[in-house]
Amino acid sequence: MSAQVKEFRDYILYDVFEGIPNISSQGMFGGFGIYKSGFIFAIITSESELYFKVDEALKEKFQKYESRPFIYAGNKNREPVEMPYWSLPEEIMENKDLLTLWIEDSVEVSRRSKGK
């Protein structure tokens, strides 16, 4: 894992998510999974990009902000796959009140998917 990805993770955890309780991270696939109260709600890719977990309903909210999906292209023997994570719009990242709501929405998506 590169120092740049670790620096980006620290920026997200300690600056952007500052004051939001029960946030943690775990290294995965050259990036990080970001958790709140044990539920993964976001990922940081090996390219230092932040994506939030979505379902079909939440995806519409992200599309309104011209967000984009995370496309996994790691396996050379298969077609790229759209993952259930979409980029967090910068204007949401910079607004703590909205950010907190978006985190809760993505945590709820994770809770529901874990319960299946």
N, C-alpha and C. Protein backbone atom coordinates (compact mmCIF):
# COMPACT_ATOMS: atom_id res chain seq x y z
N MET A 1 0.86 -1.18 0.00
CA MET A 1 0.00 0.00 0.00
C MET A 1 0.90 1.24 0.00
N SER A 2 0.58 2.17 -0.85
CA SER A 2 1.45 3.33 -1.00
C SER A 2 1.26 4.35 0.12
N ALA A 3 2.31 5.14 0.32
CA ALA A 3 2.24 6.21 1.32
C ALA A 3 1.17 7.23 0.94
N GLN A 4 0.98 7.44 -0.35
CA GLN A 4 -0.04 8.41 -0.82
C GLN A 4 -1.44 7.95 -0.40
N VAL A 5 -1.74 6.67 -0.53
CA VAL A 5 -3.05 6.14 -0.13
C VAL A 5 -3.23 6.28 1.38
N LYS A 6 -2.18 6.00 2.14
CA LYS A 6 -2.26 6.15 3.60
C LYS A 6 -2.48 7.61 4.00
N GLU A 7 -1.81 8.52 3.31
CA GLU A 7 -2.01 9.95 3.58
C GLU A 7 -3.44 10.38 3.26
N PHE A 8 -3.97 9.88 2.15
CA PHE A 8 -5.35 10.21 1.79
C PHE A 8 -6.31 9.64 2.83
N ARG A 9 -6.08 8.41 3.26
CA ARG A 9 -6.91 7.81 4.30
C ARG A 9 -6.89 8.65 5.56
N ASP A 10 -5.70 9.10 5.97
CA ASP A 10 -5.59 9.94 7.17
C ASP A 10 -6.34 11.26 7.00
N TYR A 11 -6.26 11.85 5.82
CA TYR A 11 -7.00 13.09 5.54
C TYR A 11 -8.50 12.85 5.69
N ILE A 12 -8.99 11.76 5.10
CA ILE A 12 -10.42 11.46 5.18
C ILE A 12 -10.84 11.18 6.62
N LEU A 13 -10.11 10.31 7.31
CA LEU A 13 -10.49 9.93 8.67
C LEU A 13 -10.37 11.07 9.67
N TYR A 14 -9.27 11.82 9.60
CA TYR A 14 -8.97 12.78 10.67
C TYR A 14 -9.35 14.22 10.34
N ASP A 15 -9.58 14.52 9.08
CA ASP A 15 -10.01 15.87 8.71
C ASP A 15 -11.48 15.87 8.25
N VAL A 16 -11.75 15.14 7.18
CA VAL A 16 -13.10 15.15 6.61
C VAL A 16 -14.11 14.55 7.59
N PHE A 17 -13.78 13.41 8.21
CA PHE A 17 -14.70 12.73 9.12
C PHE A 17 -14.49 13.13 10.59
N GLU A 18 -13.74 14.17 10.82
CA GLU A 18 -13.45 14.62 12.19
C GLU A 18 -14.76 14.84 12.96
N GLY A 19 -14.79 14.31 14.18
CA GLY A 19 -15.95 14.50 15.05
C GLY A 19 -17.09 13.53 14.81
N ILE A 20 -17.00 12.69 13.79
CA ILE A 20 -18.03 11.69 13.54
C ILE A 20 -17.61 10.43 14.29
N PRO A 21 -18.44 9.97 15.24
CA PRO A 21 -18.02 8.86 16.10
C PRO A 21 -18.03 7.50 15.40
N ASN A 22 -17.23 6.59 15.98
CA ASN A 22 -17.21 5.17 15.60
C ASN A 22 -16.75 4.90 14.17
N ILE A 23 -15.84 5.74 13.66
CA ILE A 23 -15.28 5.54 12.32
C ILE A 23 -13.95 4.80 12.46
N SER A 24 -13.75 3.80 11.61
CA SER A 24 -12.49 3.06 11.60
C SER A 24 -12.17 2.67 10.16
N SER A 25 -10.97 2.15 9.96
CA SER A 25 -10.59 1.71 8.62
C SER A 25 -9.82 0.40 8.72
N GLN A 26 -9.81 -0.31 7.60
CA GLN A 26 -9.06 -1.55 7.51
C GLN A 26 -8.51 -1.66 6.10
N GLY A 27 -7.23 -2.01 5.99
CA GLY A 27 -6.61 -2.16 4.68
C GLY A 27 -7.24 -3.28 3.89
N MET A 28 -7.44 -3.03 2.59
CA MET A 28 -7.97 -4.06 1.70
C MET A 28 -7.66 -3.74 0.25
N PHE A 29 -7.13 -4.70 -0.48
CA PHE A 29 -6.90 -4.58 -1.93
C PHE A 29 -6.11 -3.34 -2.33
N GLY A 30 -5.12 -2.96 -1.55
CA GLY A 30 -4.31 -1.80 -1.86
C GLY A 30 -4.93 -0.48 -1.45
N GLY A 31 -6.11 -0.52 -0.84
CA GLY A 31 -6.80 0.67 -0.35
C GLY A 31 -7.31 0.40 1.05
N PHE A 32 -8.47 0.97 1.36
CA PHE A 32 -9.04 0.81 2.70
C PHE A 32 -10.55 0.67 2.62
N GLY A 33 -11.09 -0.12 3.54
CA GLY A 33 -12.52 -0.11 3.81
C GLY A 33 -12.74 0.85 4.96
N ILE A 34 -13.78 1.66 4.89
CA ILE A 34 -14.09 2.62 5.95
C ILE A 34 -15.39 2.15 6.61
N TYR A 35 -15.37 2.06 7.94
CA TYR A 35 -16.46 1.49 8.71
C TYR A 35 -17.01 2.49 9.71
N LYS A 36 -18.30 2.36 10.00
CA LYS A 36 -18.92 3.08 11.10
C LYS A 36 -19.68 2.05 11.92
N SER A 37 -19.30 1.95 13.18
CA SER A 37 -19.92 0.97 14.09
C SER A 37 -19.90 -0.44 13.50
N GLY A 38 -18.82 -0.78 12.82
CA GLY A 38 -18.64 -2.13 12.29
C GLY A 38 -19.23 -2.39 10.92
N PHE A 39 -19.89 -1.40 10.32
CA PHE A 39 -20.49 -1.58 9.00
C PHE A 39 -19.67 -0.80 7.96
N ILE A 40 -19.24 -1.50 6.92
CA ILE A 40 -18.50 -0.81 5.86
C ILE A 40 -19.46 0.09 5.09
N PHE A 41 -19.08 1.35 4.95
CA PHE A 41 -19.93 2.29 4.22
C PHE A 41 -19.18 3.01 3.12
N ALA A 42 -17.86 2.84 3.08
CA ALA A 42 -17.06 3.53 2.06
C ALA A 42 -15.78 2.76 1.80
N ILE A 43 -15.18 3.06 0.67
CA ILE A 43 -13.86 2.52 0.36
C ILE A 43 -12.96 3.64 -0.14
N ILE A 44 -11.68 3.46 0.09
CA ILE A 44 -10.65 4.30 -0.51
C ILE A 44 -9.87 3.38 -1.42
N THR A 45 -9.81 3.72 -2.69
CA THR A 45 -9.14 2.85 -3.66
C THR A 45 -7.63 3.07 -3.64
N SER A 46 -6.94 2.19 -4.34
CA SER A 46 -5.48 2.31 -4.45
C SER A 46 -5.07 3.54 -5.25
N GLU A 47 -6.05 4.22 -5.87
CA GLU A 47 -5.79 5.48 -6.58
C GLU A 47 -6.15 6.69 -5.72
N SER A 48 -6.36 6.47 -4.41
CA SER A 48 -6.71 7.53 -3.46
C SER A 48 -8.00 8.23 -3.84
N GLU A 49 -9.03 7.44 -4.09
CA GLU A 49 -10.36 7.98 -4.37
C GLU A 49 -11.33 7.41 -3.34
N LEU A 50 -12.30 8.24 -2.92
CA LEU A 50 -13.28 7.87 -1.92
C LEU A 50 -14.62 7.57 -2.57
N TYR A 51 -15.18 6.41 -2.25
CA TYR A 51 -16.48 5.98 -2.76
C TYR A 51 -17.36 5.54 -1.60
N PHE A 52 -18.65 5.87 -1.66
CA PHE A 52 -19.62 5.47 -0.64
C PHE A 52 -20.49 4.33 -1.17
N LYS A 53 -20.88 3.45 -0.27
CA LYS A 53 -21.74 2.30 -0.61
C LYS A 53 -23.15 2.79 -0.97
N VAL A 54 -23.71 2.23 -2.05
CA VAL A 54 -25.04 2.61 -2.52
C VAL A 54 -25.87 1.36 -2.83
N ASP A 55 -27.17 1.55 -2.88
CA ASP A 55 -28.09 0.58 -3.44
C ASP A 55 -28.82 1.30 -4.57
N GLU A 56 -29.81 0.67 -5.18
CA GLU A 56 -30.49 1.30 -6.31
C GLU A 56 -31.13 2.63 -5.95
N ALA A 57 -31.77 2.71 -4.79
CA ALA A 57 -32.43 3.95 -4.38
C ALA A 57 -31.42 5.06 -4.10
N LEU A 58 -30.35 4.74 -3.40
CA LEU A 58 -29.35 5.74 -3.04
C LEU A 58 -28.53 6.19 -4.26
N LYS A 59 -28.38 5.30 -5.22
CA LYS A 59 -27.63 5.63 -6.44
C LYS A 59 -28.20 6.88 -7.13
N GLU A 60 -29.53 7.02 -7.11
CA GLU A 60 -30.17 8.18 -7.74
C GLU A 60 -29.71 9.48 -7.10
N LYS A 61 -29.56 9.47 -5.79
CA LYS A 61 -29.09 10.66 -5.06
C LYS A 61 -27.68 11.04 -5.52
N PHE A 62 -26.83 10.06 -5.69
CA PHE A 62 -25.46 10.30 -6.14
C PHE A 62 -25.43 10.79 -7.58
N GLN A 63 -26.29 10.22 -8.42
CA GLN A 63 -26.33 10.63 -9.82
C GLN A 63 -26.72 12.10 -9.98
N LYS A 64 -27.57 12.60 -9.09
CA LYS A 64 -27.97 14.01 -9.15
C LYS A 64 -26.78 14.95 -8.97
N TYR A 65 -25.74 14.47 -8.32
CA TYR A 65 -24.53 15.26 -8.09
C TYR A 65 -23.42 14.91 -9.09
N GLU A 66 -23.80 14.18 -10.14
CA GLU A 66 -22.84 13.77 -11.18
C GLU A 66 -21.70 12.93 -10.62
N SER A 67 -22.03 12.15 -9.61
CA SER A 67 -21.09 11.19 -9.04
C SER A 67 -20.86 10.08 -10.06
N ARG A 68 -19.85 9.27 -9.83
CA ARG A 68 -19.57 8.17 -10.76
C ARG A 68 -19.32 6.88 -9.98
N PRO A 69 -19.63 5.75 -10.60
CA PRO A 69 -19.45 4.47 -9.92
C PRO A 69 -17.99 4.04 -9.89
N PHE A 70 -17.68 3.18 -8.94
CA PHE A 70 -16.37 2.54 -8.89
C PHE A 70 -16.43 1.34 -9.82
N ILE A 71 -15.55 1.32 -10.80
CA ILE A 71 -15.47 0.21 -11.76
C ILE A 71 -14.23 -0.61 -11.42
N TYR A 72 -14.46 -1.86 -11.06
CA TYR A 72 -13.35 -2.77 -10.75
C TYR A 72 -12.88 -3.42 -12.04
N ALA A 73 -11.63 -3.16 -12.37
CA ALA A 73 -11.06 -3.72 -13.60
C ALA A 73 -9.80 -4.53 -13.30
N GLY A 74 -9.70 -5.05 -12.07
CA GLY A 74 -8.48 -5.72 -11.63
C GLY A 74 -8.20 -7.06 -12.25
N ASN A 75 -9.23 -7.78 -12.71
CA ASN A 75 -9.03 -9.10 -13.28
C ASN A 75 -8.93 -9.00 -14.79
N LYS A 76 -7.77 -9.30 -15.33
CA LYS A 76 -7.54 -9.14 -16.78
C LYS A 76 -8.34 -10.13 -17.62
N ASN A 77 -8.82 -11.21 -16.99
CA ASN A 77 -9.55 -12.24 -17.73
C ASN A 77 -11.06 -12.01 -17.77
N ARG A 78 -11.54 -10.93 -17.14
CA ARG A 78 -12.97 -10.65 -17.11
C ARG A 78 -13.23 -9.20 -17.49
N GLU A 79 -14.48 -8.94 -17.83
CA GLU A 79 -14.89 -7.58 -18.13
C GLU A 79 -14.90 -6.75 -16.85
N PRO A 80 -14.67 -5.44 -16.93
CA PRO A 80 -14.78 -4.57 -15.74
C PRO A 80 -16.18 -4.68 -15.14
N VAL A 81 -16.24 -4.54 -13.81
CA VAL A 81 -17.50 -4.71 -13.07
C VAL A 81 -17.80 -3.44 -12.29
N GLU A 82 -19.05 -2.95 -12.42
CA GLU A 82 -19.47 -1.80 -11.61
C GLU A 82 -19.79 -2.30 -10.21
N MET A 83 -19.12 -1.72 -9.23
CA MET A 83 -19.30 -2.11 -7.84
C MET A 83 -20.37 -1.21 -7.20
N PRO A 84 -20.94 -1.61 -6.05
CA PRO A 84 -21.99 -0.81 -5.41
C PRO A 84 -21.43 0.35 -4.59
N TYR A 85 -20.48 1.07 -5.16
CA TYR A 85 -19.87 2.24 -4.52
C TYR A 85 -19.80 3.36 -5.54
N TRP A 86 -20.14 4.57 -5.09
CA TRP A 86 -20.11 5.74 -5.96
C TRP A 86 -19.28 6.84 -5.30
N SER A 87 -18.62 7.64 -6.14
CA SER A 87 -17.76 8.71 -5.62
C SER A 87 -18.56 9.71 -4.81
N LEU A 88 -17.95 10.19 -3.74
CA LEU A 88 -18.61 11.18 -2.89
C LEU A 88 -18.41 12.56 -3.50
N PRO A 89 -19.49 13.28 -3.80
CA PRO A 89 -19.36 14.62 -4.37
C PRO A 89 -18.60 15.56 -3.42
N GLU A 90 -17.74 16.38 -3.97
CA GLU A 90 -16.91 17.28 -3.17
C GLU A 90 -17.75 18.22 -2.31
N GLU A 91 -18.87 18.71 -2.85
CA GLU A 91 -19.69 19.64 -2.07
C GLU A 91 -20.29 18.96 -0.84
N ILE A 92 -20.51 17.65 -0.90
CA ILE A 92 -20.99 16.91 0.27
C ILE A 92 -19.85 16.72 1.25
N MET A 93 -18.68 16.43 0.73
CA MET A 93 -17.49 16.22 1.57
C MET A 93 -17.19 17.48 2.39
N GLU A 94 -17.50 18.64 1.85
CA GLU A 94 -17.16 19.90 2.51
C GLU A 94 -18.27 20.42 3.42
N ASN A 95 -19.40 19.71 3.50
CA ASN A 95 -20.52 20.15 4.32
C ASN A 95 -20.77 19.09 5.40
N LYS A 96 -20.31 19.35 6.63
CA LYS A 96 -20.35 18.35 7.70
C LYS A 96 -21.76 17.84 7.97
N ASP A 97 -22.77 18.72 7.93
CA ASP A 97 -24.14 18.28 8.19
C ASP A 97 -24.62 17.30 7.12
N LEU A 98 -24.42 17.66 5.84
CA LEU A 98 -24.81 16.75 4.77
C LEU A 98 -23.96 15.48 4.77
N LEU A 99 -22.68 15.63 5.02
CA LEU A 99 -21.78 14.48 5.06
C LEU A 99 -22.26 13.46 6.08
N THR A 100 -22.64 13.92 7.25
CA THR A 100 -23.12 13.01 8.30
C THR A 100 -24.35 12.25 7.82
N LEU A 101 -25.27 12.93 7.14
CA LEU A 101 -26.46 12.27 6.62
C LEU A 101 -26.11 11.24 5.54
N TRP A 102 -25.18 11.59 4.67
CA TRP A 102 -24.78 10.67 3.60
C TRP A 102 -24.08 9.44 4.18
N ILE A 103 -23.28 9.64 5.21
CA ILE A 103 -22.64 8.50 5.88
C ILE A 103 -23.72 7.58 6.44
N GLU A 104 -24.69 8.14 7.12
CA GLU A 104 -25.76 7.33 7.71
C GLU A 104 -26.53 6.58 6.63
N ASP A 105 -26.79 7.22 5.50
CA ASP A 105 -27.47 6.54 4.39
C ASP A 105 -26.67 5.33 3.91
N SER A 106 -25.36 5.50 3.75
CA SER A 106 -24.53 4.40 3.27
C SER A 106 -24.36 3.31 4.32
N VAL A 107 -24.31 3.69 5.59
CA VAL A 107 -24.27 2.70 6.66
C VAL A 107 -25.54 1.86 6.63
N GLU A 108 -26.67 2.51 6.41
CA GLU A 108 -27.94 1.79 6.35
C GLU A 108 -27.97 0.82 5.18
N VAL A 109 -27.41 1.20 4.04
CA VAL A 109 -27.30 0.28 2.90
C VAL A 109 -26.49 -0.93 3.31
N SER A 110 -25.39 -0.72 4.01
CA SER A 110 -24.55 -1.82 4.46
C SER A 110 -25.28 -2.71 5.45
N ARG A 111 -26.01 -2.11 6.38
CA ARG A 111 -26.80 -2.89 7.35
C ARG A 111 -27.80 -3.81 6.63
N ARG A 112 -28.52 -3.22 5.67
CA ARG A 112 -29.52 -4.01 4.94
C ARG A 112 -28.88 -5.13 4.14
N SER A 113 -27.76 -4.87 3.50
CA SER A 113 -27.12 -5.89 2.68
C SER A 113 -26.51 -6.99 3.54
N LYS A 114 -26.08 -6.65 4.73
CA LYS A 114 -25.51 -7.64 5.64
C LYS A 114 -26.60 -8.54 6.19
N GLY A 115 -27.82 -8.03 6.30
CA GLY A 115 -28.92 -8.79 6.83
C GLY A 115 -29.55 -9.77 5.86
N LYS A 116 -29.13 -9.72 4.60
CA LYS A 116 -29.73 -10.62 3.57
C LYS A 116 -29.25 -12.03 3.74
